[in-house]
């Protein structure tokens, strides 16, 4: 019985690093609709950097974008349409 238990523990330890990939924990991409401009935006690391700049520029505490009120999200998208990645000096890879 102890050998069996050791095999289970060892298997769990070896598989643990793959769990986030298997269960999608590392996929943070989400699409948001901008009503005012009638377009969609994919949330990714570049968008998160831009959002952090918007929050700082508008003297707001950083909050998860998905938890913002819709009017605040729309205010961000309006700002974002006037601030390109190049203008914000966000590296495009």
Protein backbone atom coordinates (compact mmCIF):
# COMPACT_ATOMS: atom_id res chain seq x y z
CA UNK A 1 0.00 0.00 0.00
CA UNK A 2 2.75 2.57 0.78
CA UNK A 3 4.26 2.01 -2.70
CA UNK A 4 0.91 2.70 -4.30
CA UNK A 5 0.50 5.89 -2.25
CA UNK A 6 4.02 7.02 -3.14
CA UNK A 7 3.30 6.46 -6.83
CA UNK A 8 0.13 8.58 -6.62
CA UNK A 9 1.94 11.42 -4.80
CA UNK A 10 4.85 11.33 -7.24
CA UNK A 11 2.45 11.37 -10.20
CA UNK A 12 0.58 14.36 -8.75
CA UNK A 13 3.84 16.25 -8.18
CA UNK A 14 4.99 15.60 -11.74
CA UNK A 15 1.67 16.64 -13.27
CA UNK A 16 1.08 19.74 -11.09
CA UNK A 17 3.02 22.16 -13.35
CA UNK A 18 0.79 21.27 -16.31
CA UNK A 19 -2.48 21.85 -14.44
CA UNK A 20 -2.81 25.58 -15.27
CA UNK A 21 -2.40 24.86 -18.98
CA UNK A 22 -4.83 21.94 -18.92
CA UNK A 23 -7.49 23.87 -17.03
CA UNK A 24 -6.98 27.14 -18.94
CA UNK A 25 -5.74 29.23 -16.00
CA UNK A 26 -3.14 30.92 -18.18
CA UNK A 27 -5.55 31.97 -20.91
CA UNK A 28 -6.56 35.50 -19.88
CA UNK A 29 -7.75 36.61 -23.27
CA UNK A 30 -11.31 37.90 -23.38
CA UNK A 31 -13.21 39.97 -25.91
CA UNK A 32 -15.04 43.17 -24.95
CA UNK A 33 -17.49 45.09 -27.11
CA UNK A 34 -17.08 48.85 -27.42
CA UNK A 35 -20.62 50.15 -27.93
CA UNK A 36 -19.66 53.69 -28.87
CA UNK A 37 -17.27 52.63 -31.63
CA UNK A 38 -19.16 49.39 -32.40
CA UNK A 39 -16.05 47.23 -32.37
CA UNK A 40 -14.55 44.44 -30.31
CA UNK A 41 -11.31 44.46 -28.34
CA UNK A 42 -9.34 41.45 -27.19
CA UNK A 43 -7.97 41.80 -23.68
CA UNK A 44 -4.32 40.79 -23.55
CA UNK A 45 -1.10 41.93 -21.89
CA UNK A 46 -0.79 44.99 -24.15
CA UNK A 47 -4.35 46.04 -23.34
CA UNK A 48 -3.69 45.54 -19.64
CA UNK A 49 -0.62 47.83 -19.86
CA UNK A 50 -2.68 50.49 -21.61
CA UNK A 51 -5.46 50.14 -19.04
CA UNK A 52 -2.96 50.62 -16.21
CA UNK A 53 -1.78 53.83 -17.91
CA UNK A 54 -5.39 55.02 -18.23
CA UNK A 55 -6.06 54.27 -14.56
CA UNK A 56 -2.97 56.19 -13.48
CA UNK A 57 -3.72 59.12 -15.80
CA UNK A 58 -7.26 59.31 -14.40
CA UNK A 59 -6.16 58.97 -10.77
CA UNK A 60 -7.92 55.66 -10.33
CA UNK A 61 -6.88 52.69 -8.29
CA UNK A 62 -6.17 49.65 -10.44
CA UNK A 63 -9.12 47.24 -10.50
CA UNK A 64 -9.74 44.19 -12.61
CA UNK A 65 -11.18 45.56 -15.85
CA UNK A 66 -13.92 42.93 -15.92
CA UNK A 67 -15.20 44.22 -12.57
CA UNK A 68 -15.48 47.87 -13.64
CA UNK A 69 -18.85 49.45 -14.20
CA UNK A 70 -19.85 49.45 -17.85
CA UNK A 71 -19.62 53.24 -18.06
CA UNK A 72 -16.02 53.11 -16.81
CA UNK A 73 -15.19 50.39 -19.33
CA UNK A 74 -16.68 52.54 -22.10
CA UNK A 75 -14.68 55.55 -20.87
CA UNK A 76 -11.53 53.44 -21.15
CA UNK A 77 -12.37 52.31 -24.69
CA UNK A 78 -12.97 55.92 -25.70
CA UNK A 79 -9.55 56.86 -24.32
CA UNK A 80 -7.95 53.83 -25.91
CA UNK A 81 -9.15 54.76 -29.40
CA UNK A 82 -7.11 57.97 -29.07
CA UNK A 83 -3.97 56.26 -27.69
CA UNK A 84 -2.23 53.74 -29.95
CA UNK A 85 0.32 51.17 -28.76
CA UNK A 86 3.02 53.25 -30.48
CA UNK A 87 1.94 56.43 -28.72
CA UNK A 88 1.89 54.64 -25.36
CA UNK A 89 5.23 52.99 -26.19
CA UNK A 90 3.85 49.53 -25.62
CA UNK A 91 6.16 46.96 -27.24
CA UNK A 92 4.51 44.95 -29.95
CA UNK A 93 6.02 41.46 -30.13
